[in-house]
Amino acid sequence: MSFEDFLDMLSAFSDSATAEIKSHYAFRIFDFDNDGTLNKEDLRELVNCLTGEAEDTKLSDAEMDQLIKNILEESDIDKDGTVNLSEFQHVISRSPDFVSSFKIVL
């Protein structure tokens, strides 16, 4: 990552960044394998990052599978088994708190 890329990324976390910029960077962060889609493995990793992997917070395999299934049912408009950027942005557009919460406070 170049210094300019780093600055671009940080600017996405500012209050003045648009929802489109914020959602684009969120998508890139959540796309762990950098293939341009959020697949089941990306979603599994994302959920583990959010819930933690400690025994008392980690979801069971059945819970994880159900959650991923629910996410894809809500987000995967073209039903290809993944969430692409436009599908992700569509989901984010229905979340009014996303823009104000996707920031870094220093």
PDB file of N, CA and C in Angstrom:
ATOM      1  N   MET A   1       0.852  -1.173   0.000  1.00  0.00           N
ATOM      2  CA  MET A   1       0.000   0.000   0.000  1.00  0.00           C
ATOM      3  C   MET A   1       0.899   1.237   0.000  1.00  0.00           C
ATOM      4  N   SER A   2       0.656   2.126  -0.917  1.00  0.00           N
ATOM      5  CA  SER A   2       1.437   3.350  -0.990  1.00  0.00           C
ATOM      6  C   SER A   2       0.933   4.349   0.058  1.00  0.00           C
ATOM      7  N   PHE A   3       1.708   5.374   0.293  1.00  0.00           N
ATOM      8  CA  PHE A   3       1.305   6.404   1.247  1.00  0.00           C
ATOM      9  C   PHE A   3       0.034   7.101   0.775  1.00  0.00           C
ATOM     10  N   GLU A   4      -0.077   7.318  -0.534  1.00  0.00           N
ATOM     11  CA  GLU A   4      -1.297   7.944  -1.077  1.00  0.00           C
ATOM     12  C   GLU A   4      -2.519   7.060  -0.861  1.00  0.00           C
ATOM     13  N   ASP A   5      -2.346   5.743  -1.037  1.00  0.00           N
ATOM     14  CA  ASP A   5      -3.449   4.811  -0.763  1.00  0.00           C
ATOM     15  C   ASP A   5      -3.854   4.873   0.705  1.00  0.00           C
ATOM     16  N   PHE A   6      -2.852   4.964   1.566  1.00  0.00           N
ATOM     17  CA  PHE A   6      -3.109   5.063   2.999  1.00  0.00           C
ATOM     18  C   PHE A   6      -3.895   6.331   3.328  1.00  0.00           C
ATOM     19  N   LEU A   7      -3.501   7.452   2.736  1.00  0.00           N
ATOM     20  CA  LEU A   7      -4.221   8.704   2.971  1.00  0.00           C
ATOM     21  C   LEU A   7      -5.647   8.640   2.425  1.00  0.00           C
ATOM     22  N   ASP A   8      -5.816   8.017   1.254  1.00  0.00           N
ATOM     23  CA  ASP A   8      -7.162   7.838   0.693  1.00  0.00           C
ATOM     24  C   ASP A   8      -8.030   7.028   1.642  1.00  0.00           C
ATOM     25  N   MET A   9      -7.450   5.961   2.197  1.00  0.00           N
ATOM     26  CA  MET A   9      -8.197   5.130   3.109  1.00  0.00           C
ATOM     27  C   MET A   9      -8.597   5.920   4.353  1.00  0.00           C
ATOM     28  N   LEU A  10      -7.657   6.670   4.901  1.00  0.00           N
ATOM     29  CA  LEU A  10      -7.977   7.461   6.096  1.00  0.00           C
ATOM     30  C   LEU A  10      -9.035   8.514   5.812  1.00  0.00           C
ATOM     31  N   SER A  11      -9.011   9.090   4.615  1.00  0.00           N
ATOM     32  CA  SER A  11     -10.015  10.106   4.287  1.00  0.00           C
ATOM     33  C   SER A  11     -11.415   9.500   4.253  1.00  0.00           C
ATOM     34  N   ALA A  12     -11.513   8.210   3.969  1.00  0.00           N
ATOM     35  CA  ALA A  12     -12.818   7.543   3.956  1.00  0.00           C
ATOM     36  C   ALA A  12     -13.433   7.498   5.353  1.00  0.00           C
ATOM     37  N   PHE A  13     -12.612   7.621   6.370  1.00  0.00           N
ATOM     38  CA  PHE A  13     -13.094   7.591   7.749  1.00  0.00           C
ATOM     39  C   PHE A  13     -13.421   8.969   8.299  1.00  0.00           C
ATOM     40  N   SER A  14     -13.271  10.017   7.484  1.00  0.00           N
ATOM     41  CA  SER A  14     -13.574  11.374   7.954  1.00  0.00           C
ATOM     42  C   SER A  14     -15.072  11.634   7.892  1.00  0.00           C
ATOM     43  N   ASP A  15     -15.517  12.605   8.659  1.00  0.00           N
ATOM     44  CA  ASP A  15     -16.938  12.964   8.665  1.00  0.00           C
ATOM     45  C   ASP A  15     -17.405  13.506   7.318  1.00  0.00           C
ATOM     46  N   SER A  16     -16.483  14.061   6.537  1.00  0.00           N
ATOM     47  CA  SER A  16     -16.874  14.672   5.269  1.00  0.00           C
ATOM     48  C   SER A  16     -16.940  13.677   4.106  1.00  0.00           C
ATOM     49  N   ALA A  17     -16.509  12.435   4.323  1.00  0.00           N
ATOM     50  CA  ALA A  17     -16.555  11.440   3.249  1.00  0.00           C
ATOM     51  C   ALA A  17     -18.003  11.054   2.956  1.00  0.00           C
ATOM     52  N   THR A  18     -18.296  10.831   1.691  1.00  0.00           N
ATOM     53  CA  THR A  18     -19.659  10.474   1.280  1.00  0.00           C
ATOM     54  C   THR A  18     -19.950   9.010   1.623  1.00  0.00           C
ATOM     55  N   ALA A  19     -21.222   8.673   1.600  1.00  0.00           N
ATOM     56  CA  ALA A  19     -21.636   7.291   1.849  1.00  0.00           C
ATOM     57  C   ALA A  19     -21.031   6.353   0.803  1.00  0.00           C
ATOM     58  N   GLU A  20     -20.942   6.817  -0.440  1.00  0.00           N
ATOM     59  CA  GLU A  20     -20.374   5.984  -1.496  1.00  0.00           C
ATOM     60  C   GLU A  20     -18.906   5.662  -1.223  1.00  0.00           C
ATOM     61  N   ILE A  21     -18.144   6.666  -0.818  1.00  0.00           N
ATOM     62  CA  ILE A  21     -16.724   6.445  -0.511  1.00  0.00           C
ATOM     63  C   ILE A  21     -16.588   5.527   0.697  1.00  0.00           C
ATOM     64  N   LYS A  22     -17.352   5.789   1.746  1.00  0.00           N
ATOM     65  CA  LYS A  22     -17.277   4.965   2.953  1.00  0.00           C
ATOM     66  C   LYS A  22     -17.654   3.518   2.658  1.00  0.00           C
ATOM     67  N   SER A  23     -18.715   3.312   1.890  1.00  0.00           N
ATOM     68  CA  SER A  23     -19.138   1.940   1.603  1.00  0.00           C
ATOM     69  C   SER A  23     -18.124   1.230   0.717  1.00  0.00           C
ATOM     70  N   HIS A  24     -17.505   1.960  -0.202  1.00  0.00           N
ATOM     71  CA  HIS A  24     -16.477   1.361  -1.057  1.00  0.00           C
ATOM     72  C   HIS A  24     -15.310   0.859  -0.210  1.00  0.00           C
ATOM     73  N   TYR A  25     -14.836   1.673   0.723  1.00  0.00           N
ATOM     74  CA  TYR A  25     -13.715   1.260   1.567  1.00  0.00           C
ATOM     75  C   TYR A  25     -14.118   0.167   2.544  1.00  0.00           C
ATOM     76  N   ALA A  26     -15.322   0.230   3.084  1.00  0.00           N
ATOM     77  CA  ALA A  26     -15.795  -0.849   3.958  1.00  0.00           C
ATOM     78  C   ALA A  26     -15.793  -2.165   3.187  1.00  0.00           C
ATOM     79  N   PHE A  27     -16.286  -2.132   1.955  1.00  0.00           N
ATOM     80  CA  PHE A  27     -16.308  -3.331   1.122  1.00  0.00           C
ATOM     81  C   PHE A  27     -14.896  -3.875   0.931  1.00  0.00           C
ATOM     82  N   ARG A  28     -13.959  -3.004   0.631  1.00  0.00           N
ATOM     83  CA  ARG A  28     -12.565  -3.440   0.426  1.00  0.00           C
ATOM     84  C   ARG A  28     -11.986  -4.051   1.695  1.00  0.00           C
ATOM     85  N   ILE A  29     -12.337  -3.488   2.847  1.00  0.00           N
ATOM     86  CA  ILE A  29     -11.854  -4.022   4.118  1.00  0.00           C
ATOM     87  C   ILE A  29     -12.436  -5.413   4.365  1.00  0.00           C
ATOM     88  N   PHE A  30     -13.719  -5.590   4.062  1.00  0.00           N
ATOM     89  CA  PHE A  30     -14.398  -6.856   4.330  1.00  0.00           C
ATOM     90  C   PHE A  30     -14.093  -7.934   3.293  1.00  0.00           C
ATOM     91  N   ASP A  31     -13.567  -7.546   2.147  1.00  0.00           N
ATOM     92  CA  ASP A  31     -13.209  -8.501   1.094  1.00  0.00           C
ATOM     93  C   ASP A  31     -11.821  -9.061   1.415  1.00  0.00           C
ATOM     94  N   PHE A  32     -11.776  -9.994   2.341  1.00  0.00           N
ATOM     95  CA  PHE A  32     -10.509 -10.493   2.873  1.00  0.00           C
ATOM     96  C   PHE A  32      -9.629 -11.147   1.816  1.00  0.00           C
ATOM     97  N   ASP A  33     -10.213 -11.784   0.822  1.00  0.00           N
ATOM     98  CA  ASP A  33      -9.404 -12.444  -0.199  1.00  0.00           C
ATOM     99  C   ASP A  33      -9.196 -11.590  -1.449  1.00  0.00           C
ATOM    100  N   ASN A  34      -9.662 -10.347  -1.408  1.00  0.00           N
ATOM    101  CA  ASN A  34      -9.436  -9.379  -2.489  1.00  0.00           C
ATOM    102  C   ASN A  34      -9.878  -9.872  -3.866  1.00  0.00           C
ATOM    103  N   ASP A  35     -11.010 -10.577  -3.905  1.00  0.00           N
ATOM    104  CA  ASP A  35     -11.482 -11.051  -5.202  1.00  0.00           C
ATOM    105  C   ASP A  35     -12.631 -10.212  -5.764  1.00  0.00           C
ATOM    106  N   GLY A  36     -12.976  -9.135  -5.082  1.00  0.00           N
ATOM    107  CA  GLY A  36     -14.017  -8.242  -5.585  1.00  0.00           C
ATOM    108  C   GLY A  36     -15.430  -8.639  -5.187  1.00  0.00           C
ATOM    109  N   THR A  37     -15.560  -9.674  -4.380  1.00  0.00           N
ATOM    110  CA  THR A  37     -16.865 -10.082  -3.864  1.00  0.00           C
ATOM    111  C   THR A  37     -16.715 -10.495  -2.399  1.00  0.00           C
ATOM    112  N   LEU A  38     -17.828 -10.468  -1.696  1.00  0.00           N
ATOM    113  CA  LEU A  38     -17.863 -11.014  -0.341  1.00  0.00           C
ATOM    114  C   LEU A  38     -18.497 -12.390  -0.452  1.00  0.00           C
ATOM    115  N   ASN A  39     -17.663 -13.415  -0.336  1.00  0.00           N
ATOM    116  CA  ASN A  39     -18.158 -14.784  -0.413  1.00  0.00           C
ATOM    117  C   ASN A  39     -18.371 -15.327   0.998  1.00  0.00           C
ATOM    118  N   LYS A  40     -18.750 -16.581   1.096  1.00  0.00           N
ATOM    119  CA  LYS A  40     -19.047 -17.168   2.407  1.00  0.00           C
ATOM    120  C   LYS A  40     -17.858 -17.105   3.347  1.00  0.00           C
ATOM    121  N   GLU A  41     -16.662 -17.311   2.820  1.00  0.00           N
ATOM    122  CA  GLU A  41     -15.468 -17.260   3.678  1.00  0.00           C
ATOM    123  C   GLU A  41     -15.191 -15.840   4.167  1.00  0.00           C
ATOM    124  N   ASP A  42     -15.375 -14.838   3.299  1.00  0.00           N
ATOM    125  CA  ASP A  42     -15.228 -13.445   3.733  1.00  0.00           C
ATOM    126  C   ASP A  42     -16.230 -13.132   4.838  1.00  0.00           C
ATOM    127  N   LEU A  43     -17.473 -13.557   4.651  1.00  0.00           N
ATOM    128  CA  LEU A  43     -18.512 -13.292   5.648  1.00  0.00           C
ATOM    129  C   LEU A  43     -18.210 -14.009   6.955  1.00  0.00           C
ATOM    130  N   ARG A  44     -17.706 -15.229   6.872  1.00  0.00           N
ATOM    131  CA  ARG A  44     -17.326 -15.977   8.081  1.00  0.00           C
ATOM    132  C   ARG A  44     -16.225 -15.233   8.840  1.00  0.00           C
ATOM    133  N   GLU A  45     -15.229 -14.768   8.110  1.00  0.00           N
ATOM    134  CA  GLU A  45     -14.125 -14.042   8.745  1.00  0.00           C
ATOM    135  C   GLU A  45     -14.625 -12.727   9.352  1.00  0.00           C
ATOM    136  N   LEU A  46     -15.496 -12.037   8.640  1.00  0.00           N
ATOM    137  CA  LEU A  46     -16.053 -10.787   9.141  1.00  0.00           C
ATOM    138  C   LEU A  46     -16.829 -11.012  10.437  1.00  0.00           C
ATOM    139  N   VAL A  47     -17.680 -12.016  10.452  1.00  0.00           N
ATOM    140  CA  VAL A  47     -18.461 -12.313  11.662  1.00  0.00           C
ATOM    141  C   VAL A  47     -17.527 -12.668  12.810  1.00  0.00           C
ATOM    142  N   ASN A  48     -16.499 -13.457  12.550  1.00  0.00           N
ATOM    143  CA  ASN A  48     -15.539 -13.801  13.605  1.00  0.00           C
ATOM    144  C   ASN A  48     -14.810 -12.565  14.126  1.00  0.00           C
ATOM    145  N   CYS A  49     -14.507 -11.616  13.243  1.00  0.00           N
ATOM    146  CA  CYS A  49     -13.875 -10.370  13.687  1.00  0.00           C
ATOM    147  C   CYS A  49     -14.812  -9.566  14.590  1.00  0.00           C
ATOM    148  N   LEU A  50     -16.092  -9.583  14.265  1.00  0.00           N
ATOM    149  CA  LEU A  50     -17.065  -8.805  15.028  1.00  0.00           C
ATOM    150  C   LEU A  50     -17.453  -9.466  16.342  1.00  0.00           C
ATOM    151  N   THR A  51     -17.513 -10.782  16.369  1.00  0.00           N
ATOM    152  CA  THR A  51     -17.960 -11.482  17.578  1.00  0.00           C
ATOM    153  C   THR A  51     -16.809 -11.986  18.426  1.00  0.00           C
ATOM    154  N   GLY A  52     -15.643 -12.067  17.845  1.00  0.00           N
ATOM    155  CA  GLY A  52     -14.508 -12.636  18.556  1.00  0.00           C
ATOM    156  C   GLY A  52     -14.484 -14.141  18.370  1.00  0.00           C
ATOM    157  N   GLU A  53     -13.341 -14.714  18.611  1.00  0.00           N
ATOM    158  CA  GLU A  53     -13.214 -16.153  18.429  1.00  0.00           C
ATOM    159  C   GLU A  53     -13.004 -16.877  19.740  1.00  0.00           C
ATOM    160  N   ALA A  54     -13.256 -16.180  20.859  1.00  0.00           N
ATOM    161  CA  ALA A  54     -13.179 -16.829  22.165  1.00  0.00           C
ATOM    162  C   ALA A  54     -14.347 -17.807  22.283  1.00  0.00           C
ATOM    163  N   GLU A  55     -14.159 -18.827  23.057  1.00  0.00           N
ATOM    164  CA  GLU A  55     -15.185 -19.871  23.178  1.00  0.00           C
ATOM    165  C   GLU A  55     -16.531 -19.327  23.629  1.00  0.00           C
ATOM    166  N   ASP A  56     -16.543 -18.288  24.475  1.00  0.00           N
ATOM    167  CA  ASP A  56     -17.818 -17.772  24.983  1.00  0.00           C
ATOM    168  C   ASP A  56     -18.516 -16.824  24.002  1.00  0.00           C
ATOM    169  N   THR A  57     -17.828 -16.376  22.956  1.00  0.00           N
ATOM    170  CA  THR A  57     -18.449 -15.469  21.986  1.00  0.00           C
ATOM    171  C   THR A  57     -18.543 -16.065  20.585  1.00  0.00           C
ATOM    172  N   LYS A  58     -17.764 -17.090  20.338  1.00  0.00           N
ATOM    173  CA  LYS A  58     -17.728 -17.684  19.000  1.00  0.00           C
ATOM    174  C   LYS A  58     -19.050 -18.383  18.685  1.00  0.00           C
ATOM    175  N   LEU A  59     -19.553 -18.155  17.465  1.00  0.00           N
ATOM    176  CA  LEU A  59     -20.772 -18.818  17.032  1.00  0.00           C
ATOM    177  C   LEU A  59     -20.489 -20.287  16.707  1.00  0.00           C
ATOM    178  N   SER A  60     -21.472 -21.126  16.945  1.00  0.00           N
ATOM    179  CA  SER A  60     -21.336 -22.522  16.534  1.00  0.00           C
ATOM    180  C   SER A  60     -21.361 -22.578  15.011  1.00  0.00           C
ATOM    181  N   ASP A  61     -20.954 -23.704  14.454  1.00  0.00           N
ATOM    182  CA  ASP A  61     -20.975 -23.853  12.991  1.00  0.00           C
ATOM    183  C   ASP A  61     -22.393 -23.672  12.456  1.00  0.00           C
ATOM    184  N   ALA A  62     -23.379 -24.225  13.152  1.00  0.00           N
ATOM    185  CA  ALA A  62     -24.772 -24.106  12.698  1.00  0.00           C
ATOM    186  C   ALA A  62     -25.240 -22.653  12.750  1.00  0.00           C
ATOM    187  N   GLU A  63     -24.882 -21.939  13.825  1.00  0.00           N
ATOM    188  CA  GLU A  63     -25.256 -20.526  13.938  1.00  0.00           C
ATOM    189  C   GLU A  63     -24.584 -19.693  12.854  1.00  0.00           C
ATOM    190  N   MET A  64     -23.311 -19.976  12.611  1.00  0.00           N
ATOM    191  CA  MET A  64     -22.567 -19.250  11.578  1.00  0.00           C
ATOM    192  C   MET A  64     -23.177 -19.503  10.200  1.00  0.00           C
ATOM    193  N   ASP A  65     -23.463 -20.756   9.902  1.00  0.00           N
ATOM    194  CA  ASP A  65     -24.052 -21.092   8.602  1.00  0.00           C
ATOM    195  C   ASP A  65     -25.401 -20.407   8.418  1.00  0.00           C
ATOM    196  N   GLN A  66     -26.221 -20.376   9.468  1.00  0.00           N
ATOM    197  CA  GLN A  66     -27.530 -19.735   9.384  1.00  0.00           C
ATOM    198  C   GLN A  66     -27.385 -18.227   9.181  1.00  0.00           C
ATOM    199  N   LEU A  67     -26.449 -17.613   9.905  1.00  0.00           N
ATOM    200  CA  LEU A  67     -26.223 -16.174   9.770  1.00  0.00           C
ATOM    201  C   LEU A  67     -25.759 -15.824   8.360  1.00  0.00           C
ATOM    202  N   ILE A  68     -24.823 -16.582   7.832  1.00  0.00           N
ATOM    203  CA  ILE A  68     -24.330 -16.334   6.475  1.00  0.00           C
ATOM    204  C   ILE A  68     -25.455 -16.526   5.465  1.00  0.00           C
ATOM    205  N   LYS A  69     -26.261 -17.553   5.660  1.00  0.00           N
ATOM    206  CA  LYS A  69     -27.410 -17.775   4.784  1.00  0.00           C
ATOM    207  C   LYS A  69     -28.353 -16.578   4.824  1.00  0.00           C
ATOM    208  N   ASN A  70     -28.623 -16.052   6.020  1.00  0.00           N
ATOM    209  CA  ASN A  70     -29.503 -14.885   6.166  1.00  0.00           C
ATOM    210  C   ASN A  70     -28.902 -13.648   5.504  1.00  0.00           C
ATOM    211  N   ILE A  71     -27.596 -13.444   5.675  1.00  0.00           N
ATOM    212  CA  ILE A  71     -26.927 -12.294   5.054  1.00  0.00           C
ATOM    213  C   ILE A  71     -27.058 -12.375   3.540  1.00  0.00           C
ATOM    214  N   LEU A  72     -26.793 -13.546   2.992  1.00  0.00           N
ATOM    215  CA  LEU A  72     -26.875 -13.703   1.539  1.00  0.00           C
ATOM    216  C   LEU A  72     -28.306 -13.564   1.030  1.00  0.00           C
ATOM    217  N   GLU A  73     -29.273 -14.053   1.780  1.00  0.00           N
ATOM    218  CA  GLU A  73     -30.672 -13.899   1.366  1.00  0.00           C
ATOM    219  C   GLU A  73     -31.071 -12.429   1.289  1.00  0.00           C
ATOM    220  N   GLU A  74     -30.553 -11.619   2.205  1.00  0.00           N
ATOM    221  CA  GLU A  74     -30.877 -10.192   2.244  1.00  0.00           C
ATOM    222  C   GLU A  74     -30.059  -9.370   1.245  1.00  0.00           C
ATOM    223  N   SER A  75     -28.842  -9.813   0.961  1.00  0.00           N
ATOM    224  CA  SER A  75     -27.893  -8.969   0.227  1.00  0.00           C
ATOM    225  C   SER A  75     -27.605  -9.396  -1.205  1.00  0.00           C
ATOM    226  N   ASP A  76     -27.675 -10.682  -1.475  1.00  0.00           N
ATOM    227  CA  ASP A  76     -27.258 -11.224  -2.770  1.00  0.00           C
ATOM    228  C   ASP A  76     -28.400 -11.107  -3.783  1.00  0.00           C
ATOM    229  N   ILE A  77     -28.513  -9.942  -4.383  1.00  0.00           N
ATOM    230  CA  ILE A  77     -29.628  -9.646  -5.289  1.00  0.00           C
ATOM    231  C   ILE A  77     -29.615 -10.550  -6.514  1.00  0.00           C
ATOM    232  N   ASP A  78     -28.440 -10.788  -7.092  1.00  0.00           N
ATOM    233  CA  ASP A  78     -28.376 -11.610  -8.305  1.00  0.00           C
ATOM    234  C   ASP A  78     -28.268 -13.106  -8.014  1.00  0.00           C
ATOM    235  N   LYS A  79     -28.280 -13.483  -6.750  1.00  0.00           N
ATOM    236  CA  LYS A  79     -28.305 -14.891  -6.311  1.00  0.00           C
ATOM    237  C   LYS A  79     -27.152 -15.730  -6.859  1.00  0.00           C
ATOM    238  N   ASP A  80     -25.936 -15.111  -6.879  1.00  0.00           N
ATOM    239  CA  ASP A  80     -24.765 -15.856  -7.328  1.00  0.00           C
ATOM    240  C   ASP A  80     -23.947 -16.415  -6.168  1.00  0.00           C
ATOM    241  N   GLY A  81     -24.433 -16.259  -4.947  1.00  0.00           N
ATOM    242  CA  GLY A  81     -23.740 -16.803  -3.784  1.00  0.00           C
ATOM    243  C   GLY A  81     -22.702 -15.882  -3.190  1.00  0.00           C
ATOM    244  N   THR A  82     -22.595 -14.660  -3.723  1.00  0.00           N
ATOM    245  CA  THR A  82     -21.649 -13.671  -3.201  1.00  0.00           C
ATOM    246  C   THR A  82     -22.338 -12.306  -3.166  1.00  0.00           C
ATOM    247  N   VAL A  83     -21.711 -11.374  -2.473  1.00  0.00           N
ATOM    248  CA  VAL A  83     -22.189  -9.993  -2.433  1.00  0.00           C
ATOM    249  C   VAL A  83     -21.154  -9.140  -3.158  1.00  0.00           C
ATOM    250  N   ASN A  84     -21.572  -8.487  -4.244  1.00  0.00           N
ATOM    251  CA  ASN A  84     -20.650  -7.606  -4.959  1.00  0.00           C
ATOM    252  C   ASN A  84     -20.773  -6.184  -4.404  1.00  0.00           C
ATOM    253  N   LEU A  85     -19.970  -5.271  -4.928  1.00  0.00           N
ATOM    254  CA  LEU A  85     -19.938  -3.907  -4.398  1.00  0.00           C
ATOM    255  C   LEU A  85     -21.299  -3.226  -4.498  1.00  0.00           C
ATOM    256  N   SER A  86     -21.967  -3.340  -5.630  1.00  0.00           N
ATOM    257  CA  SER A  86     -23.256  -2.644  -5.764  1.00  0.00           C
ATOM    258  C   SER A  86     -24.306  -3.232  -4.820  1.00  0.00           C
ATOM    259  N   GLU A  87     -24.285  -4.538  -4.619  1.00  0.00           N
ATOM    260  CA  GLU A  87     -25.206  -5.153  -3.662  1.00  0.00           C
ATOM    261  C   GLU A  87     -24.893  -4.684  -2.239  1.00  0.00           C
ATOM    262  N   PHE A  88     -23.612  -4.615  -1.922  1.00  0.00           N
ATOM    263  CA  PHE A  88     -23.182  -4.132  -0.603  1.00  0.00           C
ATOM    264  C   PHE A  88     -23.637  -2.688  -0.392  1.00  0.00           C
ATOM    265  N   GLN A  89     -23.437  -1.844  -1.407  1.00  0.00           N
ATOM    266  CA  GLN A  89     -23.848  -0.449  -1.292  1.00  0.00           C
ATOM    267  C   GLN A  89     -25.363  -0.324  -1.160  1.00  0.00           C
ATOM    268  N   HIS A  90     -26.103  -1.208  -1.804  1.00  0.00           N
ATOM    269  CA  HIS A  90     -27.558  -1.206  -1.663  1.00  0.00           C
ATOM    270  C   HIS A  90     -27.947  -1.511  -0.208  1.00  0.00           C
ATOM    271  N   VAL A  91     -27.307  -2.490   0.392  1.00  0.00           N
ATOM    272  CA  VAL A  91     -27.588  -2.831   1.792  1.00  0.00           C
ATOM    273  C   VAL A  91     -27.213  -1.669   2.702  1.00  0.00           C
ATOM    274  N   ILE A  92     -26.061  -1.081   2.466  1.00  0.00           N
ATOM    275  CA  ILE A  92     -25.592   0.034   3.297  1.00  0.00           C
ATOM    276  C   ILE A  92     -26.546   1.224   3.177  1.00  0.00           C
ATOM    277  N   SER A  93     -27.118   1.428   2.011  1.00  0.00           N
ATOM    278  CA  SER A  93     -28.031   2.566   1.825  1.00  0.00           C
ATOM    279  C   SER A  93     -29.263   2.462   2.717  1.00  0.00           C
ATOM    280  N   ARG A  94     -29.574   1.254   3.166  1.00  0.00           N
ATOM    281  CA  ARG A  94     -30.712   1.051   4.065  1.00  0.00           C
ATOM    282  C   ARG A  94     -30.314   1.165   5.532  1.00  0.00           C
ATOM    283  N   SER A  95     -29.070   1.490   5.801  1.00  0.00           N
ATOM    284  CA  SER A  95     -28.569   1.620   7.171  1.00  0.00           C
ATOM    285  C   SER A  95     -28.209   3.079   7.441  1.00  0.00           C
ATOM    286  N   PRO A  96     -29.119   3.840   8.027  1.00  0.00           N
ATOM    287  CA  PRO A  96     -28.880   5.274   8.204  1.00  0.00           C
ATOM    288  C   PRO A  96     -27.697   5.607   9.116  1.00  0.00           C
ATOM    289  N   ASP A  97     -27.313   4.702   9.982  1.00  0.00           N
ATOM    290  CA  ASP A  97     -26.211   4.976  10.910  1.00  0.00           C
ATOM    291  C   ASP A  97     -24.839   4.673  10.328  1.00  0.00           C
ATOM    292  N   PHE A  98     -24.782   4.045   9.162  1.00  0.00           N
ATOM    293  CA  PHE A  98     -23.487   3.630   8.622  1.00  0.00           C
ATOM    294  C   PHE A  98     -22.545   4.806   8.417  1.00  0.00           C
ATOM    295  N   VAL A  99     -23.008   5.855   7.759  1.00  0.00           N
ATOM    296  CA  VAL A  99     -22.135   6.994   7.437  1.00  0.00           C
ATOM    297  C   VAL A  99     -21.569   7.628   8.696  1.00  0.00           C
ATOM    298  N   SER A 100     -22.395   7.796   9.713  1.00  0.00           N
ATOM    299  CA  SER A 100     -21.919   8.449  10.936  1.00  0.00           C
ATOM    300  C   SER A 100     -21.079   7.539  11.811  1.00  0.00           C
ATOM    301  N   SER A 101     -21.218   6.210  11.660  1.00  0.00           N
ATOM    302  CA  SER A 101     -20.464   5.302  12.511  1.00  0.00           C
ATOM    303  C   SER A 101     -19.171   4.789  11.856  1.00  0.00           C
ATOM    304  N   PHE A 102     -19.038   4.924  10.548  1.00  0.00           N
ATOM    305  CA  PHE A 102     -17.837   4.470   9.853  1.00  0.00           C
ATOM    306  C   PHE A 102     -16.806   5.599   9.883  1.00  0.00           C
ATOM    307  N   LYS A 103     -16.150   5.713  11.036  1.00  0.00           N
ATOM    308  CA  LYS A 103     -15.155   6.785  11.199  1.00  0.00           C
ATOM    309  C   LYS A 103     -14.160   6.384  12.267  1.00  0.00           C
ATOM    310  N   ILE A 104     -13.057   7.087  12.279  1.00  0.00           N
ATOM    311  CA  ILE A 104     -12.038   6.920  13.298  1.00  0.00           C
ATOM    312  C   ILE A 104     -11.981   8.226  14.084  1.00  0.00           C
ATOM    313  N   VAL A 105     -12.121   8.112  15.384  1.00  0.00           N
ATOM    314  CA  VAL A 105     -12.028   9.288  16.238  1.00  0.00           C
ATOM    315  C   VAL A 105     -10.660   9.276  16.895  1.00  0.00           C
ATOM    316  N   LEU A 106      -9.904  10.325  16.635  1.00  0.00           N
ATOM    317  CA  LEU A 106      -8.546  10.422  17.214  1.00  0.00           C
ATOM    318  C   LEU A 106      -8.521  11.371  18.378  1.00  0.00           C
TER     319      LEU A 106
END
